[in-house]
Amino acid sequence: MRRLLVTAGYLAGVGATAAMIGCATGRGTTSTGAASAPAPSSAGAPTSGAVAASGHGTAISYRPVTNAGYILHRLDSLTLHLPGNAVQQQSLERTAYLHVTLAEASGSYRATIVLDSLRASASAVAVSEDSLKPVRGTRWTATLSPDGQLSNLVADRSTTLGDQLTNQLRLLFPTLPSGGARAGAVWADSVDFPLKADAFDATEHARTSYRAADDGSGLKIESTGMYTRAGTGKRFDQQMEMTASGKRKSIHRLGRNGTLVAAEGSESGDMTITVPAVGQTVPVTQTSRYDIRAASR
């Protein structure tokens, strides 16, 4: 008897989580090591259009920074609705310690993000030290536009945990209106970009609305948005299809020097995974929450 097996993991994204999915025959065991790691993410320049009200006060925009430290914590939970009315709960929790450098480069910034260390657990079971070692020291480079669009994001190595984290790095850079964000400004952004979600090569379309307010030491930027995703992939020689949609909200706090001080957010959505060859479809409910805070250098 064939079964669809979905391992602990997530469907990623300007997020969402990265789903690690597999098909097998016979006994129903799950394994994250049955497929090779995906290639490093190399998302091209996203297409975007932001419309903003001017607001008031001093405009805040991104500026050069060297080795700004951040701690990014994220918890993703999946509820799989399997054949026979079976329900399976999975979760992945990660705490990443990062350093970010932005250097001016021809009207934009050259972004370098380095993973100093990582802690992770899958369904409350700690990920082994042997699995964590290869991802430490991963270095991502990208181009950051003045309005916060991160493009050409590439890692210097490919690891399962590192590839999952790649799509979360956009959380460090909320979109800003052209000319910078001011208190009272309201703007919207629509973006399409490719992403690698483990077994899936996917495209996300997201539309987000932003509102900025003065919080005394900088700006508080609140956002709400909707997203859709679609992609295809292969695991254990089985072709798979994925569609997803959901909503997200977040709060980012920027200092007056344009540096991220802290952020928090949540996401909820529905995903459908289909294996056409065996006629199986698995609906998945996904929820996520994250927080980011500045760390001492």
Protein backbone atom coordinates (compact mmCIF):
# COMPACT_ATOMS: atom_id res chain seq x y z
CA MET A 1 0.00 0.00 0.00
CA ARG A 2 1.34 3.42 -0.96
CA ARG A 3 1.31 6.24 1.54
CA LEU A 4 2.19 9.90 1.33
CA LEU A 5 4.73 10.82 3.98
CA VAL A 6 5.28 14.41 5.06
CA THR A 7 8.35 14.89 7.24
CA ALA A 8 8.81 17.56 9.90
CA GLY A 9 9.57 20.78 8.07
CA TYR A 10 8.09 23.86 6.50
CA LEU A 11 7.05 25.65 3.37
CA ALA A 12 9.19 28.84 3.34
CA GLY A 13 8.93 32.34 2.26
CA VAL A 14 8.47 36.92 2.68
CA GLY A 15 7.17 33.86 5.07
CA ALA A 16 6.05 31.22 5.37
CA THR A 17 7.72 27.62 6.17
CA ALA A 18 9.62 25.03 4.04
CA ALA A 19 7.81 21.70 3.59
CA MET A 20 9.89 18.56 3.48
CA ILE A 21 7.75 16.03 1.75
CA GLY A 22 8.28 12.46 0.59
CA CYS A 23 6.50 9.48 -0.86
CA ALA A 24 7.24 5.86 0.04
CA THR A 25 5.80 2.38 -0.10
CA GLY A 26 5.12 -0.07 2.70
CA ARG A 27 5.55 1.00 6.31
CA GLY A 28 4.83 4.59 7.21
CA THR A 29 8.08 5.99 8.53
CA THR A 30 9.25 9.56 8.06
CA SER A 31 12.79 10.57 7.24
CA THR A 32 14.40 13.92 6.57
CA GLY A 33 17.53 12.29 5.20
CA ALA A 34 16.05 10.33 2.33
CA ALA A 35 16.58 13.09 -0.22
CA SER A 36 19.58 15.22 -1.05
CA ALA A 37 19.75 18.82 0.11
CA PRO A 38 18.43 21.44 -2.33
CA ALA A 39 20.69 23.80 -4.20
CA PRO A 40 21.47 27.17 -2.60
CA SER A 41 18.70 29.72 -2.98
CA SER A 42 19.27 32.19 -5.78
CA ALA A 43 16.07 34.21 -5.92
CA GLY A 44 16.06 36.71 -8.74
CA ALA A 45 15.01 40.31 -8.42
CA PRO A 46 11.39 40.40 -7.22
CA THR A 47 8.86 42.50 -9.08
CA SER A 48 7.30 45.07 -6.83
CA GLY A 49 5.28 48.23 -6.75
CA ALA A 50 4.85 50.36 -3.63
CA VAL A 51 2.37 53.23 -3.25
CA ALA A 52 2.68 55.49 -0.22
CA ALA A 53 1.25 58.54 1.51
CA SER A 54 3.96 60.98 2.56
CA GLY A 55 3.44 61.13 6.34
CA HIS A 56 5.34 63.66 8.41
CA GLY A 57 8.63 64.10 10.18
CA THR A 58 12.07 62.78 9.22
CA ALA A 59 12.20 60.02 6.63
CA ILE A 60 13.85 56.79 7.74
CA SER A 61 15.51 54.56 5.16
CA TYR A 62 18.14 51.84 5.10
CA ARG A 63 21.75 52.90 5.61
CA PRO A 64 25.11 51.14 5.66
CA VAL A 65 25.77 49.01 8.73
CA THR A 66 28.58 46.67 9.76
CA ASN A 67 28.07 43.44 11.70
CA ALA A 68 24.70 44.27 13.22
CA GLY A 69 23.76 41.29 15.40
CA TYR A 70 20.28 39.73 15.50
CA ILE A 71 18.57 36.78 17.13
CA LEU A 72 15.78 35.35 14.97
CA HIS A 73 13.42 32.90 16.65
CA ARG A 74 10.69 31.16 14.67
CA LEU A 75 8.17 28.42 15.49
CA ASP A 76 6.25 26.75 12.68
CA SER A 77 3.45 24.25 13.25
CA LEU A 78 1.74 21.97 10.73
CA THR A 79 -1.46 19.98 10.98
CA LEU A 80 -1.61 17.29 8.29
CA HIS A 81 -5.02 15.91 7.37
CA LEU A 82 -4.11 12.42 6.15
CA PRO A 83 -6.26 9.77 4.43
CA GLY A 84 -8.65 7.92 6.72
CA ASN A 85 -9.34 11.05 8.81
CA ALA A 86 -5.94 10.74 10.47
CA VAL A 87 -4.36 13.95 11.75
CA GLN A 88 -0.64 14.45 12.30
CA GLN A 89 0.96 17.36 14.14
CA GLN A 90 4.47 18.53 13.32
CA SER A 91 6.55 21.51 14.38
CA LEU A 92 9.93 23.07 13.78
CA GLU A 93 11.52 25.63 16.10
CA ARG A 94 14.71 27.52 15.29
CA THR A 95 16.80 30.21 16.96
CA ALA A 96 19.36 31.73 14.61
CA TYR A 97 22.16 34.08 15.63
CA LEU A 98 23.01 36.34 12.70
CA HIS A 99 25.26 39.24 11.74
CA VAL A 100 24.23 41.66 8.98
CA THR A 101 26.38 44.04 6.95
CA LEU A 102 25.04 46.51 4.36
CA ALA A 103 27.59 48.18 2.10
CA GLU A 104 26.74 50.84 -0.49
CA ALA A 105 26.90 49.60 -4.09
CA SER A 106 25.73 51.72 -7.05
CA GLY A 107 22.49 53.08 -5.62
CA SER A 108 21.69 49.95 -3.62
CA TYR A 109 23.35 47.89 -0.90
CA ARG A 110 25.40 44.75 -0.95
CA ALA A 111 23.98 42.68 1.91
CA THR A 112 26.04 40.05 3.69
CA ILE A 113 24.33 37.89 6.33
CA VAL A 114 26.34 35.40 8.38
CA LEU A 115 24.89 32.65 10.57
CA ASP A 116 27.00 32.48 13.72
CA SER A 117 25.08 29.62 15.33
CA LEU A 118 21.74 27.85 15.30
CA ARG A 119 19.54 25.92 17.71
CA ALA A 120 16.67 23.84 16.34
CA SER A 121 14.15 21.21 17.35
CA ALA A 122 11.66 19.18 15.30
CA SER A 123 8.42 18.29 17.08
CA ALA A 124 10.10 19.12 20.43
CA VAL A 125 13.09 16.83 19.71
CA ALA A 126 16.40 18.70 19.59
CA VAL A 127 18.24 18.56 16.28
CA SER A 128 21.55 16.75 16.73
CA GLU A 129 24.85 18.57 16.99
CA ASP A 130 26.11 16.71 13.91
CA SER A 131 23.23 18.20 11.89
CA LEU A 132 23.86 21.71 13.20
CA LYS A 133 27.60 21.85 12.56
CA PRO A 134 27.45 22.09 8.73
CA VAL A 135 25.12 25.09 8.76
CA ARG A 136 27.14 27.23 11.17
CA GLY A 137 29.08 29.92 9.40
CA THR A 138 26.78 29.98 6.36
CA ARG A 139 27.18 33.27 4.51
CA TRP A 140 24.44 34.74 2.33
CA THR A 141 24.96 37.61 -0.08
CA ALA A 142 22.23 39.63 -1.78
CA THR A 143 21.32 43.00 -3.22
CA LEU A 144 19.10 45.19 -1.05
CA SER A 145 17.27 48.02 -2.80
CA PRO A 146 16.73 51.32 -0.96
CA ASP A 147 13.09 50.31 -0.37
CA GLY A 148 13.99 46.96 1.20
CA GLN A 149 13.63 44.49 -1.70
CA LEU A 150 16.10 41.64 -1.21
CA SER A 151 17.17 40.01 -4.48
CA ASN A 152 19.83 37.64 -5.83
CA LEU A 153 19.99 35.96 -2.43
CA VAL A 154 22.66 33.23 -2.55
CA ALA A 155 24.24 31.09 0.18
CA ASP A 156 27.84 29.88 0.09
CA ARG A 157 26.74 26.32 0.89
CA SER A 158 23.67 24.10 0.78
CA THR A 159 22.41 22.44 3.96
CA THR A 160 18.89 21.37 4.89
CA LEU A 161 18.60 23.73 7.87
CA GLY A 162 20.38 26.55 6.06
CA ASP A 163 18.11 26.31 3.04
CA GLN A 164 15.07 26.48 5.31
CA LEU A 165 16.46 29.61 6.96
CA THR A 166 17.20 31.36 3.66
CA ASN A 167 13.61 32.31 3.05
CA GLN A 168 13.28 33.83 6.54
CA LEU A 169 16.01 36.41 5.93
CA ARG A 170 13.55 38.72 4.18
CA LEU A 171 11.97 39.29 7.59
CA LEU A 172 14.99 41.46 8.44
CA PHE A 173 14.05 44.03 5.79
CA PRO A 174 10.47 45.35 5.74
CA THR A 175 9.54 47.15 2.54
CA LEU A 176 9.75 50.96 2.77
CA PRO A 177 8.24 53.57 0.46
CA SER A 178 10.44 55.37 -2.04
CA GLY A 179 12.32 58.14 -0.23
CA GLY A 180 11.94 56.47 3.16
CA ALA A 181 9.20 55.95 5.73
CA ARG A 182 7.72 58.72 7.86
CA ALA A 183 5.35 58.70 10.80
CA GLY A 184 1.78 58.61 9.56
CA ALA A 185 2.70 57.19 6.16
CA VAL A 186 0.56 54.42 4.70
CA TRP A 187 1.72 52.34 1.75
CA ALA A 188 1.10 49.06 -0.01
CA ASP A 189 3.43 46.69 -1.80
CA SER A 190 2.81 43.90 -4.27
CA VAL A 191 5.64 41.47 -4.96
CA ASP A 192 6.28 38.26 -6.87
CA PHE A 193 9.44 36.25 -6.25
CA PRO A 194 10.77 32.71 -6.68
CA LEU A 195 11.63 30.66 -3.63
CA LYS A 196 13.03 27.25 -2.84
CA ALA A 197 10.81 25.32 -0.43
CA ASP A 198 12.87 22.18 0.03
CA ALA A 199 11.30 19.73 -2.45
CA PHE A 200 9.45 22.51 -4.27
CA ASP A 201 10.51 25.19 -6.71
CA ALA A 202 7.77 27.72 -6.10
CA THR A 203 6.67 31.27 -6.78
CA GLU A 204 5.02 33.48 -4.18
CA HIS A 205 2.75 36.42 -4.83
CA ALA A 206 2.20 38.66 -1.81
CA ARG A 207 0.40 41.93 -1.23
CA THR A 208 1.09 43.82 1.97
CA SER A 209 -0.24 47.04 3.50
CA TYR A 210 1.94 49.08 5.86
CA ARG A 211 1.37 51.85 8.37
CA ALA A 212 4.14 53.74 10.19
CA ALA A 213 3.95 55.53 13.53
CA ASP A 214 6.49 57.37 15.65
CA ASP A 215 7.42 55.29 18.71
CA GLY A 216 9.75 57.81 20.36
CA SER A 217 13.06 56.34 19.23
CA GLY A 218 12.21 55.63 15.59
CA LEU A 219 9.32 54.11 13.68
CA LYS A 220 6.91 51.29 14.39
CA ILE A 221 5.82 49.76 11.09
CA GLU A 222 2.72 47.58 11.25
CA SER A 223 1.83 45.41 8.28
CA THR A 224 -0.88 42.98 7.20
CA GLY A 225 -0.90 40.94 4.03
CA MET A 226 -2.06 38.00 1.97
CA TYR A 227 -0.01 35.53 -0.04
CA THR A 228 -0.41 32.70 -2.53
CA ARG A 229 2.17 30.12 -3.59
CA ALA A 230 2.40 27.40 -6.21
CA GLY A 231 5.18 25.02 -7.06
CA THR A 232 6.27 21.57 -8.19
CA GLY A 233 8.90 19.18 -6.94
CA LYS A 234 10.01 15.60 -6.71
CA ARG A 235 10.76 13.34 -3.77
CA PHE A 236 11.50 9.62 -3.88
CA ASP A 237 10.98 9.72 -7.68
CA GLN A 238 7.42 10.96 -7.24
CA GLN A 239 6.30 14.21 -8.87
CA MET A 240 4.49 16.50 -6.42
CA GLU A 241 2.44 19.67 -6.72
CA MET A 242 1.88 22.30 -4.05
CA THR A 243 -0.48 25.24 -3.70
CA ALA A 244 -0.85 27.47 -0.64
CA SER A 245 -2.49 30.66 0.51
CA GLY A 246 -2.71 32.55 3.75
CA LYS A 247 -2.36 35.78 5.66
CA ARG A 248 0.33 37.36 7.78
CA LYS A 249 0.86 40.33 10.04
CA SER A 250 3.92 41.86 11.64
CA ILE A 251 5.40 44.77 13.54
CA HIS A 252 8.90 46.05 12.73
CA ARG A 253 10.67 48.72 14.74
CA LEU A 254 13.34 50.78 12.98
CA GLY A 255 15.75 53.14 14.68
CA ARG A 256 16.19 56.64 13.33
CA ASN A 257 19.41 55.45 11.68
CA GLY A 258 17.43 52.96 9.56
CA THR A 259 18.60 49.90 11.49
CA LEU A 260 16.14 47.19 12.52
CA VAL A 261 15.71 47.17 16.30
CA ALA A 262 13.11 44.41 16.73
CA ALA A 263 10.29 42.64 14.93
CA GLU A 264 7.51 40.15 15.60
CA GLY A 265 4.89 38.55 13.44
CA SER A 266 2.60 35.64 12.69
CA GLU A 267 1.30 33.75 9.69
CA SER A 268 -1.52 31.31 9.07
CA GLY A 269 -2.54 29.51 5.93
CA ASP A 270 -3.62 26.38 4.11
CA MET A 271 -1.49 24.24 1.85
CA THR A 272 -2.39 21.34 -0.43
CA ILE A 273 0.16 18.75 -1.48
CA THR A 274 -0.76 16.46 -4.36
CA VAL A 275 1.02 13.38 -5.76
CA PRO A 276 -0.72 12.88 -9.14
CA ALA A 277 0.81 9.45 -9.85
CA VAL A 278 -0.84 7.86 -6.82
CA GLY A 279 -3.89 10.13 -6.69
CA GLN A 280 -3.16 11.40 -3.17
CA THR A 281 -3.88 14.86 -1.84
CA VAL A 282 -2.99 16.02 1.67
CA PRO A 283 -4.44 19.28 3.04
CA VAL A 284 -2.14 21.00 5.52
CA THR A 285 -2.92 23.79 7.97
CA GLN A 286 0.10 25.90 8.85
CA THR A 287 0.68 28.50 11.56
CA SER A 288 3.88 30.38 12.34
CA ARG A 289 5.13 33.03 14.65
CA TYR A 290 8.51 34.75 14.92
CA ASP A 291 10.39 37.42 16.75
CA ILE A 292 13.64 39.21 15.99
CA ARG A 293 15.70 41.25 18.39
CA ALA A 294 19.00 43.05 18.18
CA ALA A 295 21.93 41.31 19.84
CA SER A 296 25.04 42.74 21.42
CA ARG A 297 28.05 42.76 19.15
